[in-house]
Amino acid sequence: MTVSRVINGQKGVGVDTRTAVEEAIRALGYTPNVAARSLVTSAEPKIGVIYSNPSAAFMSDFLIGVFEEASARGVRLVLLKGESGKPRQRPG
């Protein structure tokens, strides 16, 4: 709980303890796991891509990069096709 409070910037942790935890985080090179955090927060991180009639070659190269980056970051990829550079409006 203490480490979680420090990482999330919450109150209830003494100055000395907070400093020790922050130093340990830096020393260990800790970075939060986005996918694991989304399980706790029930927020699902997403990358949205809106495109309008690009060439097939562009989409192939572009999407390979986007898929790789989304996978590496543990986020969901959402693709939407737009018309004339604008996203389509959802019904209702």
PDB file of N, CA and C in Angstrom:
ATOM      1  N   MET A   1       0.822  -1.200   0.000  1.00  0.00           N
ATOM      2  CA  MET A   1       0.000   0.000   0.000  1.00  0.00           C
ATOM      3  C   MET A   1       0.861   1.258   0.000  1.00  0.00           C
ATOM      4  N   THR A   2       1.955   1.231   0.743  1.00  0.00           N
ATOM      5  CA  THR A   2       2.801   2.415   0.827  1.00  0.00           C
ATOM      6  C   THR A   2       3.390   2.767  -0.531  1.00  0.00           C
ATOM      7  N   VAL A   3       3.926   1.774  -1.226  1.00  0.00           N
ATOM      8  CA  VAL A   3       4.513   2.023  -2.539  1.00  0.00           C
ATOM      9  C   VAL A   3       3.435   2.522  -3.504  1.00  0.00           C
ATOM     10  N   SER A   4       2.278   1.920  -3.459  1.00  0.00           N
ATOM     11  CA  SER A   4       1.168   2.350  -4.307  1.00  0.00           C
ATOM     12  C   SER A   4       0.805   3.804  -4.030  1.00  0.00           C
ATOM     13  N   ARG A   5       0.767   4.172  -2.764  1.00  0.00           N
ATOM     14  CA  ARG A   5       0.446   5.563  -2.405  1.00  0.00           C
ATOM     15  C   ARG A   5       1.492   6.523  -2.949  1.00  0.00           C
ATOM     16  N   VAL A   6       2.745   6.137  -2.866  1.00  0.00           N
ATOM     17  CA  VAL A   6       3.814   7.000  -3.383  1.00  0.00           C
ATOM     18  C   VAL A   6       3.691   7.136  -4.898  1.00  0.00           C
ATOM     19  N   ILE A   7       3.534   6.021  -5.589  1.00  0.00           N
ATOM     20  CA  ILE A   7       3.442   6.042  -7.051  1.00  0.00           C
ATOM     21  C   ILE A   7       2.254   6.873  -7.520  1.00  0.00           C
ATOM     22  N   ASN A   8       1.148   6.791  -6.804  1.00  0.00           N
ATOM     23  CA  ASN A   8      -0.072   7.509  -7.205  1.00  0.00           C
ATOM     24  C   ASN A   8      -0.181   8.897  -6.594  1.00  0.00           C
ATOM     25  N   GLY A   9       0.859   9.336  -5.863  1.00  0.00           N
ATOM     26  CA  GLY A   9       0.869  10.681  -5.308  1.00  0.00           C
ATOM     27  C   GLY A   9      -0.166  10.913  -4.226  1.00  0.00           C
ATOM     28  N   GLN A  10      -0.534   9.851  -3.519  1.00  0.00           N
ATOM     29  CA  GLN A  10      -1.545   9.983  -2.473  1.00  0.00           C
ATOM     30  C   GLN A  10      -0.918  10.388  -1.146  1.00  0.00           C
ATOM     31  N   LYS A  11      -1.753  10.909  -0.275  1.00  0.00           N
ATOM     32  CA  LYS A  11      -1.317  11.291   1.064  1.00  0.00           C
ATOM     33  C   LYS A  11      -1.198  10.053   1.940  1.00  0.00           C
ATOM     34  N   GLY A  12      -0.708  10.259   3.175  1.00  0.00           N
ATOM     35  CA  GLY A  12      -0.644   9.167   4.131  1.00  0.00           C
ATOM     36  C   GLY A  12       0.700   8.460   4.179  1.00  0.00           C
ATOM     37  N   VAL A  13       1.729   9.073   3.594  1.00  0.00           N
ATOM     38  CA  VAL A  13       3.066   8.504   3.620  1.00  0.00           C
ATOM     39  C   VAL A  13       4.006   9.572   4.161  1.00  0.00           C
ATOM     40  N   GLY A  14       4.799   9.203   5.153  1.00  0.00           N
ATOM     41  CA  GLY A  14       5.745  10.145   5.731  1.00  0.00           C
ATOM     42  C   GLY A  14       6.799  10.583   4.728  1.00  0.00           C
ATOM     43  N   VAL A  15       7.390  11.747   4.981  1.00  0.00           N
ATOM     44  CA  VAL A  15       8.383  12.312   4.067  1.00  0.00           C
ATOM     45  C   VAL A  15       9.576  11.371   3.892  1.00  0.00           C
ATOM     46  N   ASP A  16      10.104  10.837   4.972  1.00  0.00           N
ATOM     47  CA  ASP A  16      11.260   9.930   4.884  1.00  0.00           C
ATOM     48  C   ASP A  16      10.917   8.664   4.110  1.00  0.00           C
ATOM     49  N   THR A  17       9.743   8.113   4.383  1.00  0.00           N
ATOM     50  CA  THR A  17       9.312   6.891   3.688  1.00  0.00           C
ATOM     51  C   THR A  17       9.106   7.173   2.210  1.00  0.00           C
ATOM     52  N   ARG A  18       8.452   8.285   1.895  1.00  0.00           N
ATOM     53  CA  ARG A  18       8.214   8.650   0.487  1.00  0.00           C
ATOM     54  C   ARG A  18       9.551   8.803  -0.239  1.00  0.00           C
ATOM     55  N   THR A  19      10.504   9.462   0.383  1.00  0.00           N
ATOM     56  CA  THR A  19      11.825   9.653  -0.224  1.00  0.00           C
ATOM     57  C   THR A  19      12.513   8.311  -0.466  1.00  0.00           C
ATOM     58  N   ALA A  20      12.448   7.411   0.511  1.00  0.00           N
ATOM     59  CA  ALA A  20      13.077   6.091   0.376  1.00  0.00           C
ATOM     60  C   ALA A  20      12.440   5.299  -0.764  1.00  0.00           C
ATOM     61  N   VAL A  21      11.123   5.339  -0.858  1.00  0.00           N
ATOM     62  CA  VAL A  21      10.424   4.616  -1.927  1.00  0.00           C
ATOM     63  C   VAL A  21      10.788   5.209  -3.283  1.00  0.00           C
ATOM     64  N   GLU A  22      10.794   6.537  -3.393  1.00  0.00           N
ATOM     65  CA  GLU A  22      11.136   7.183  -4.665  1.00  0.00           C
ATOM     66  C   GLU A  22      12.570   6.857  -5.083  1.00  0.00           C
ATOM     67  N   GLU A  23      13.487   6.804  -4.121  1.00  0.00           N
ATOM     68  CA  GLU A  23      14.874   6.437  -4.433  1.00  0.00           C
ATOM     69  C   GLU A  23      14.966   4.986  -4.907  1.00  0.00           C
ATOM     70  N   ALA A  24      14.210   4.102  -4.264  1.00  0.00           N
ATOM     71  CA  ALA A  24      14.199   2.688  -4.684  1.00  0.00           C
ATOM     72  C   ALA A  24      13.624   2.553  -6.089  1.00  0.00           C
ATOM     73  N   ILE A  25      12.583   3.304  -6.394  1.00  0.00           N
ATOM     74  CA  ILE A  25      11.975   3.274  -7.735  1.00  0.00           C
ATOM     75  C   ILE A  25      13.006   3.683  -8.777  1.00  0.00           C
ATOM     76  N   ARG A  26      13.727   4.765  -8.504  1.00  0.00           N
ATOM     77  CA  ARG A  26      14.768   5.224  -9.439  1.00  0.00           C
ATOM     78  C   ARG A  26      15.894   4.205  -9.563  1.00  0.00           C
ATOM     79  N   ALA A  27      16.371   3.693  -8.445  1.00  0.00           N
ATOM     80  CA  ALA A  27      17.488   2.745  -8.451  1.00  0.00           C
ATOM     81  C   ALA A  27      17.150   1.462  -9.211  1.00  0.00           C
ATOM     82  N   LEU A  28      15.911   1.022  -9.079  1.00  0.00           N
ATOM     83  CA  LEU A  28      15.485  -0.216  -9.738  1.00  0.00           C
ATOM     84  C   LEU A  28      15.025   0.006 -11.176  1.00  0.00           C
ATOM     85  N   GLY A  29      14.843   1.270 -11.563  1.00  0.00           N
ATOM     86  CA  GLY A  29      14.350   1.561 -12.905  1.00  0.00           C
ATOM     87  C   GLY A  29      12.911   1.115 -13.097  1.00  0.00           C
ATOM     88  N   TYR A  30      12.128   1.174 -12.022  1.00  0.00           N
ATOM     89  CA  TYR A  30      10.744   0.702 -12.068  1.00  0.00           C
ATOM     90  C   TYR A  30       9.892   1.596 -12.969  1.00  0.00           C
ATOM     91  N   THR A  31       9.085   0.981 -13.795  1.00  0.00           N
ATOM     92  CA  THR A  31       8.049   1.681 -14.552  1.00  0.00           C
ATOM     93  C   THR A  31       6.759   0.892 -14.400  1.00  0.00           C
ATOM     94  N   PRO A  32       5.638   1.578 -14.172  1.00  0.00           N
ATOM     95  CA  PRO A  32       4.365   0.876 -13.998  1.00  0.00           C
ATOM     96  C   PRO A  32       3.969   0.112 -15.259  1.00  0.00           C
ATOM     97  N   ASN A  33       3.327  -1.025 -15.079  1.00  0.00           N
ATOM     98  CA  ASN A  33       2.799  -1.820 -16.178  1.00  0.00           C
ATOM     99  C   ASN A  33       1.407  -1.283 -16.501  1.00  0.00           C
ATOM    100  N   VAL A  34       1.258  -0.728 -17.696  1.00  0.00           N
ATOM    101  CA  VAL A  34       0.007  -0.085 -18.089  1.00  0.00           C
ATOM    102  C   VAL A  34      -1.161  -1.074 -18.059  1.00  0.00           C
ATOM    103  N   ALA A  35      -0.944  -2.277 -18.562  1.00  0.00           N
ATOM    104  CA  ALA A  35      -2.021  -3.275 -18.595  1.00  0.00           C
ATOM    105  C   ALA A  35      -2.449  -3.663 -17.183  1.00  0.00           C
ATOM    106  N   ALA A  36      -1.474  -3.854 -16.293  1.00  0.00           N
ATOM    107  CA  ALA A  36      -1.801  -4.222 -14.912  1.00  0.00           C
ATOM    108  C   ALA A  36      -2.545  -3.091 -14.217  1.00  0.00           C
ATOM    109  N   ARG A  37      -2.129  -1.866 -14.447  1.00  0.00           N
ATOM    110  CA  ARG A  37      -2.807  -0.725 -13.822  1.00  0.00           C
ATOM    111  C   ARG A  37      -4.246  -0.610 -14.300  1.00  0.00           C
ATOM    112  N   SER A  38      -4.486  -0.927 -15.565  1.00  0.00           N
ATOM    113  CA  SER A  38      -5.846  -0.811 -16.080  1.00  0.00           C
ATOM    114  C   SER A  38      -6.776  -1.813 -15.415  1.00  0.00           C
ATOM    115  N   LEU A  39      -6.243  -2.945 -14.942  1.00  0.00           N
ATOM    116  CA  LEU A  39      -7.071  -3.908 -14.221  1.00  0.00           C
ATOM    117  C   LEU A  39      -7.563  -3.322 -12.906  1.00  0.00           C
ATOM    118  N   VAL A  40      -6.719  -2.543 -12.260  1.00  0.00           N
ATOM    119  CA  VAL A  40      -7.075  -1.947 -10.972  1.00  0.00           C
ATOM    120  C   VAL A  40      -7.977  -0.741 -11.163  1.00  0.00           C
ATOM    121  N   THR A  41      -7.641   0.104 -12.116  1.00  0.00           N
ATOM    122  CA  THR A  41      -8.395   1.345 -12.307  1.00  0.00           C
ATOM    123  C   THR A  41      -9.625   1.136 -13.180  1.00  0.00           C
ATOM    124  N   SER A  42      -9.710  -0.002 -13.815  1.00  0.00           N
ATOM    125  CA  SER A  42     -10.748  -0.347 -14.785  1.00  0.00           C
ATOM    126  C   SER A  42     -10.777   0.621 -15.959  1.00  0.00           C
ATOM    127  N   ALA A  43      -9.723   1.394 -16.096  1.00  0.00           N
ATOM    128  CA  ALA A  43      -9.579   2.249 -17.267  1.00  0.00           C
ATOM    129  C   ALA A  43      -8.733   1.491 -18.277  1.00  0.00           C
ATOM    130  N   GLU A  44      -9.153   1.493 -19.492  1.00  0.00           N
ATOM    131  CA  GLU A  44      -8.419   0.770 -20.521  1.00  0.00           C
ATOM    132  C   GLU A  44      -7.730   1.779 -21.426  1.00  0.00           C
ATOM    133  N   PRO A  45      -6.392   1.836 -21.371  1.00  0.00           N
ATOM    134  CA  PRO A  45      -5.694   2.782 -22.236  1.00  0.00           C
ATOM    135  C   PRO A  45      -5.831   2.384 -23.696  1.00  0.00           C
ATOM    136  N   LYS A  46      -6.008   3.385 -24.555  1.00  0.00           N
ATOM    137  CA  LYS A  46      -6.219   3.118 -25.979  1.00  0.00           C
ATOM    138  C   LYS A  46      -5.398   4.083 -26.815  1.00  0.00           C
ATOM    139  N   ILE A  47      -5.036   3.641 -28.000  1.00  0.00           N
ATOM    140  CA  ILE A  47      -4.475   4.508 -29.027  1.00  0.00           C
ATOM    141  C   ILE A  47      -5.498   4.521 -30.145  1.00  0.00           C
ATOM    142  N   GLY A  48      -5.941   5.697 -30.522  1.00  0.00           N
ATOM    143  CA  GLY A  48      -6.918   5.828 -31.597  1.00  0.00           C
ATOM    144  C   GLY A  48      -6.259   6.304 -32.874  1.00  0.00           C
ATOM    145  N   VAL A  49      -6.602   5.694 -33.989  1.00  0.00           N
ATOM    146  CA  VAL A  49      -6.088   6.089 -35.290  1.00  0.00           C
ATOM    147  C   VAL A  49      -7.281   6.338 -36.197  1.00  0.00           C
ATOM    148  N   ILE A  50      -7.360   7.550 -36.730  1.00  0.00           N
ATOM    149  CA  ILE A  50      -8.420   7.887 -37.685  1.00  0.00           C
ATOM    150  C   ILE A  50      -7.733   8.145 -39.021  1.00  0.00           C
ATOM    151  N   TYR A  51      -8.193   7.480 -40.054  1.00  0.00           N
ATOM    152  CA  TYR A  51      -7.556   7.634 -41.357  1.00  0.00           C
ATOM    153  C   TYR A  51      -8.605   7.819 -42.438  1.00  0.00           C
ATOM    154  N   SER A  52      -8.167   8.395 -43.558  1.00  0.00           N
ATOM    155  CA  SER A  52      -9.071   8.617 -44.673  1.00  0.00           C
ATOM    156  C   SER A  52      -8.356   8.320 -45.983  1.00  0.00           C
ATOM    157  N   ASN A  53      -8.686   7.200 -46.579  1.00  0.00           N
ATOM    158  CA  ASN A  53      -8.211   6.779 -47.902  1.00  0.00           C
ATOM    159  C   ASN A  53      -6.705   6.879 -48.135  1.00  0.00           C
ATOM    160  N   PRO A  54      -5.880   6.404 -47.230  1.00  0.00           N
ATOM    161  CA  PRO A  54      -4.448   6.397 -47.518  1.00  0.00           C
ATOM    162  C   PRO A  54      -4.112   5.245 -48.460  1.00  0.00           C
ATOM    163  N   SER A  55      -2.921   5.290 -49.017  1.00  0.00           N
ATOM    164  CA  SER A  55      -2.519   4.208 -49.920  1.00  0.00           C
ATOM    165  C   SER A  55      -2.313   2.920 -49.122  1.00  0.00           C
ATOM    166  N   ALA A  56      -2.434   1.805 -49.811  1.00  0.00           N
ATOM    167  CA  ALA A  56      -2.272   0.502 -49.158  1.00  0.00           C
ATOM    168  C   ALA A  56      -0.858   0.349 -48.599  1.00  0.00           C
ATOM    169  N   ALA A  57       0.148   0.822 -49.326  1.00  0.00           N
ATOM    170  CA  ALA A  57       1.533   0.706 -48.859  1.00  0.00           C
ATOM    171  C   ALA A  57       1.732   1.514 -47.577  1.00  0.00           C
ATOM    172  N   PHE A  58       1.178   2.721 -47.551  1.00  0.00           N
ATOM    173  CA  PHE A  58       1.288   3.556 -46.355  1.00  0.00           C
ATOM    174  C   PHE A  58       0.629   2.871 -45.174  1.00  0.00           C
ATOM    175  N   MET A  59      -0.582   2.375 -45.367  1.00  0.00           N
ATOM    176  CA  MET A  59      -1.314   1.747 -44.263  1.00  0.00           C
ATOM    177  C   MET A  59      -0.581   0.527 -43.747  1.00  0.00           C
ATOM    178  N   SER A  60      -0.005  -0.248 -44.637  1.00  0.00           N
ATOM    179  CA  SER A  60       0.715  -1.449 -44.211  1.00  0.00           C
ATOM    180  C   SER A  60       1.888  -1.084 -43.305  1.00  0.00           C
ATOM    181  N   ASP A  61       2.756  -0.201 -43.750  1.00  0.00           N
ATOM    182  CA  ASP A  61       3.915   0.199 -42.949  1.00  0.00           C
ATOM    183  C   ASP A  61       3.488   0.906 -41.669  1.00  0.00           C
ATOM    184  N   PHE A  62       2.538   1.787 -41.791  1.00  0.00           N
ATOM    185  CA  PHE A  62       2.069   2.564 -40.643  1.00  0.00           C
ATOM    186  C   PHE A  62       1.456   1.648 -39.584  1.00  0.00           C
ATOM    187  N   LEU A  63       0.573   0.748 -40.003  1.00  0.00           N
ATOM    188  CA  LEU A  63      -0.117  -0.106 -39.046  1.00  0.00           C
ATOM    189  C   LEU A  63       0.819  -1.096 -38.366  1.00  0.00           C
ATOM    190  N   ILE A  64       1.829  -1.570 -39.073  1.00  0.00           N
ATOM    191  CA  ILE A  64       2.799  -2.453 -38.428  1.00  0.00           C
ATOM    192  C   ILE A  64       3.444  -1.714 -37.256  1.00  0.00           C
ATOM    193  N   GLY A  65       3.838  -0.472 -37.482  1.00  0.00           N
ATOM    194  CA  GLY A  65       4.436   0.331 -36.408  1.00  0.00           C
ATOM    195  C   GLY A  65       3.463   0.592 -35.276  1.00  0.00           C
ATOM    196  N   VAL A  66       2.232   0.921 -35.607  1.00  0.00           N
ATOM    197  CA  VAL A  66       1.222   1.202 -34.580  1.00  0.00           C
ATOM    198  C   VAL A  66       0.911  -0.056 -33.767  1.00  0.00           C
ATOM    199  N   PHE A  67       0.751  -1.190 -34.431  1.00  0.00           N
ATOM    200  CA  PHE A  67       0.482  -2.442 -33.720  1.00  0.00           C
ATOM    201  C   PHE A  67       1.625  -2.782 -32.769  1.00  0.00           C
ATOM    202  N   GLU A  68       2.869  -2.642 -33.235  1.00  0.00           N
ATOM    203  CA  GLU A  68       4.030  -2.950 -32.404  1.00  0.00           C
ATOM    204  C   GLU A  68       4.074  -2.037 -31.174  1.00  0.00           C
ATOM    205  N   GLU A  69       3.856  -0.754 -31.379  1.00  0.00           N
ATOM    206  CA  GLU A  69       3.911   0.200 -30.272  1.00  0.00           C
ATOM    207  C   GLU A  69       2.779  -0.056 -29.281  1.00  0.00           C
ATOM    208  N   ALA A  70       1.583  -0.295 -29.763  1.00  0.00           N
ATOM    209  CA  ALA A  70       0.457  -0.578 -28.875  1.00  0.00           C
ATOM    210  C   ALA A  70       0.721  -1.835 -28.062  1.00  0.00           C
ATOM    211  N   SER A  71       1.244  -2.856 -28.712  1.00  0.00           N
ATOM    212  CA  SER A  71       1.543  -4.104 -28.023  1.00  0.00           C
ATOM    213  C   SER A  71       2.621  -3.902 -26.960  1.00  0.00           C
ATOM    214  N   ALA A  72       3.662  -3.157 -27.302  1.00  0.00           N
ATOM    215  CA  ALA A  72       4.755  -2.917 -26.358  1.00  0.00           C
ATOM    216  C   ALA A  72       4.278  -2.134 -25.138  1.00  0.00           C
ATOM    217  N   ARG A  73       3.285  -1.288 -25.323  1.00  0.00           N
ATOM    218  CA  ARG A  73       2.792  -0.461 -24.223  1.00  0.00           C
ATOM    219  C   ARG A  73       1.576  -1.076 -23.522  1.00  0.00           C
ATOM    220  N   GLY A  74       1.105  -2.205 -24.012  1.00  0.00           N
ATOM    221  CA  GLY A  74      -0.031  -2.867 -23.375  1.00  0.00           C
ATOM    222  C   GLY A  74      -1.328  -2.099 -23.500  1.00  0.00           C
ATOM    223  N   VAL A  75      -1.527  -1.460 -24.653  1.00  0.00           N
ATOM    224  CA  VAL A  75      -2.757  -0.695 -24.853  1.00  0.00           C
ATOM    225  C   VAL A  75      -3.563  -1.261 -26.015  1.00  0.00           C
ATOM    226  N   ARG A  76      -4.833  -0.928 -26.033  1.00  0.00           N
ATOM    227  CA  ARG A  76      -5.723  -1.382 -27.097  1.00  0.00           C
ATOM    228  C   ARG A  76      -5.650  -0.403 -28.258  1.00  0.00           C
ATOM    229  N   LEU A  77      -5.642  -0.924 -29.466  1.00  0.00           N
ATOM    230  CA  LEU A  77      -5.598  -0.109 -30.666  1.00  0.00           C
ATOM    231  C   LEU A  77      -7.000  -0.011 -31.244  1.00  0.00           C
ATOM    232  N   VAL A  78      -7.440   1.219 -31.520  1.00  0.00           N
ATOM    233  CA  VAL A  78      -8.760   1.456 -32.098  1.00  0.00           C
ATOM    234  C   VAL A  78      -8.562   2.150 -33.439  1.00  0.00           C
ATOM    235  N   LEU A  79      -9.068   1.558 -34.517  1.00  0.00           N
ATOM    236  CA  LEU A  79      -8.954   2.130 -35.856  1.00  0.00           C
ATOM    237  C   LEU A  79     -10.326   2.590 -36.330  1.00  0.00           C
ATOM    238  N   LEU A  80     -10.382   3.807 -36.849  1.00  0.00           N
ATOM    239  CA  LEU A  80     -11.620   4.338 -37.403  1.00  0.00           C
ATOM    240  C   LEU A  80     -11.328   4.926 -38.774  1.00  0.00           C
ATOM    241  N   LYS A  81     -12.215   4.669 -39.719  1.00  0.00           N
ATOM    242  CA  LYS A  81     -12.051   5.266 -41.041  1.00  0.00           C
ATOM    243  C   LYS A  81     -12.857   6.544 -41.075  1.00  0.00           C
ATOM    244  N   GLY A  82     -12.200   7.627 -41.450  1.00  0.00           N
ATOM    245  CA  GLY A  82     -12.870   8.913 -41.561  1.00  0.00           C
ATOM    246  C   GLY A  82     -13.135   9.247 -43.013  1.00  0.00           C
ATOM    247  N   GLU A  83     -14.065  10.114 -43.235  1.00  0.00           N
ATOM    248  CA  GLU A  83     -14.364  10.589 -44.589  1.00  0.00           C
ATOM    249  C   GLU A  83     -13.829  12.006 -44.721  1.00  0.00           C
ATOM    250  N   SER A  84     -13.074  12.273 -45.762  1.00  0.00           N
ATOM    251  CA  SER A  84     -12.503  13.596 -46.002  1.00  0.00           C
ATOM    252  C   SER A  84     -11.720  14.109 -44.805  1.00  0.00           C
ATOM    253  N   GLY A  85     -11.021  13.211 -44.134  1.00  0.00           N
ATOM    254  CA  GLY A  85     -10.202  13.612 -42.997  1.00  0.00           C
ATOM    255  C   GLY A  85     -10.955  13.823 -41.703  1.00  0.00           C
ATOM    256  N   LYS A  86     -12.259  13.560 -41.703  1.00  0.00           N
ATOM    257  CA  LYS A  86     -13.057  13.739 -40.484  1.00  0.00           C
ATOM    258  C   LYS A  86     -13.601  12.391 -40.033  1.00  0.00           C
ATOM    259  N   PRO A  87     -13.624  12.144 -38.732  1.00  0.00           N
ATOM    260  CA  PRO A  87     -14.200  10.868 -38.260  1.00  0.00           C
ATOM    261  C   PRO A  87     -15.701  10.836 -38.513  1.00  0.00           C
ATOM    262  N   ARG A  88     -16.213   9.642 -38.800  1.00  0.00           N
ATOM    263  CA  ARG A  88     -17.650   9.496 -38.969  1.00  0.00           C
ATOM    264  C   ARG A  88     -18.349   9.667 -37.627  1.00  0.00           C
ATOM    265  N   GLN A  89     -19.521  10.238 -37.666  1.00  0.00           N
ATOM    266  CA  GLN A  89     -20.311  10.408 -36.447  1.00  0.00           C
ATOM    267  C   GLN A  89     -20.973   9.087 -36.109  1.00  0.00           C
ATOM    268  N   ARG A  90     -20.939   8.748 -34.840  1.00  0.00           N
ATOM    269  CA  ARG A  90     -21.613   7.529 -34.390  1.00  0.00           C
ATOM    270  C   ARG A  90     -23.111   7.788 -34.300  1.00  0.00           C
ATOM    271  N   PRO A  91     -23.919   6.801 -34.662  1.00  0.00           N
ATOM    272  CA  PRO A  91     -25.365   6.986 -34.529  1.00  0.00           C
ATOM    273  C   PRO A  91     -25.774   7.109 -33.066  1.00  0.00           C
ATOM    274  N   GLY A  92     -26.777   7.942 -32.828  1.00  0.00           N
ATOM    275  CA  GLY A  92     -27.392   8.061 -31.506  1.00  0.00           C
ATOM    276  C   GLY A  92     -26.537   8.722 -30.545  1.00  0.00           C
TER     277      GLY A  92
END
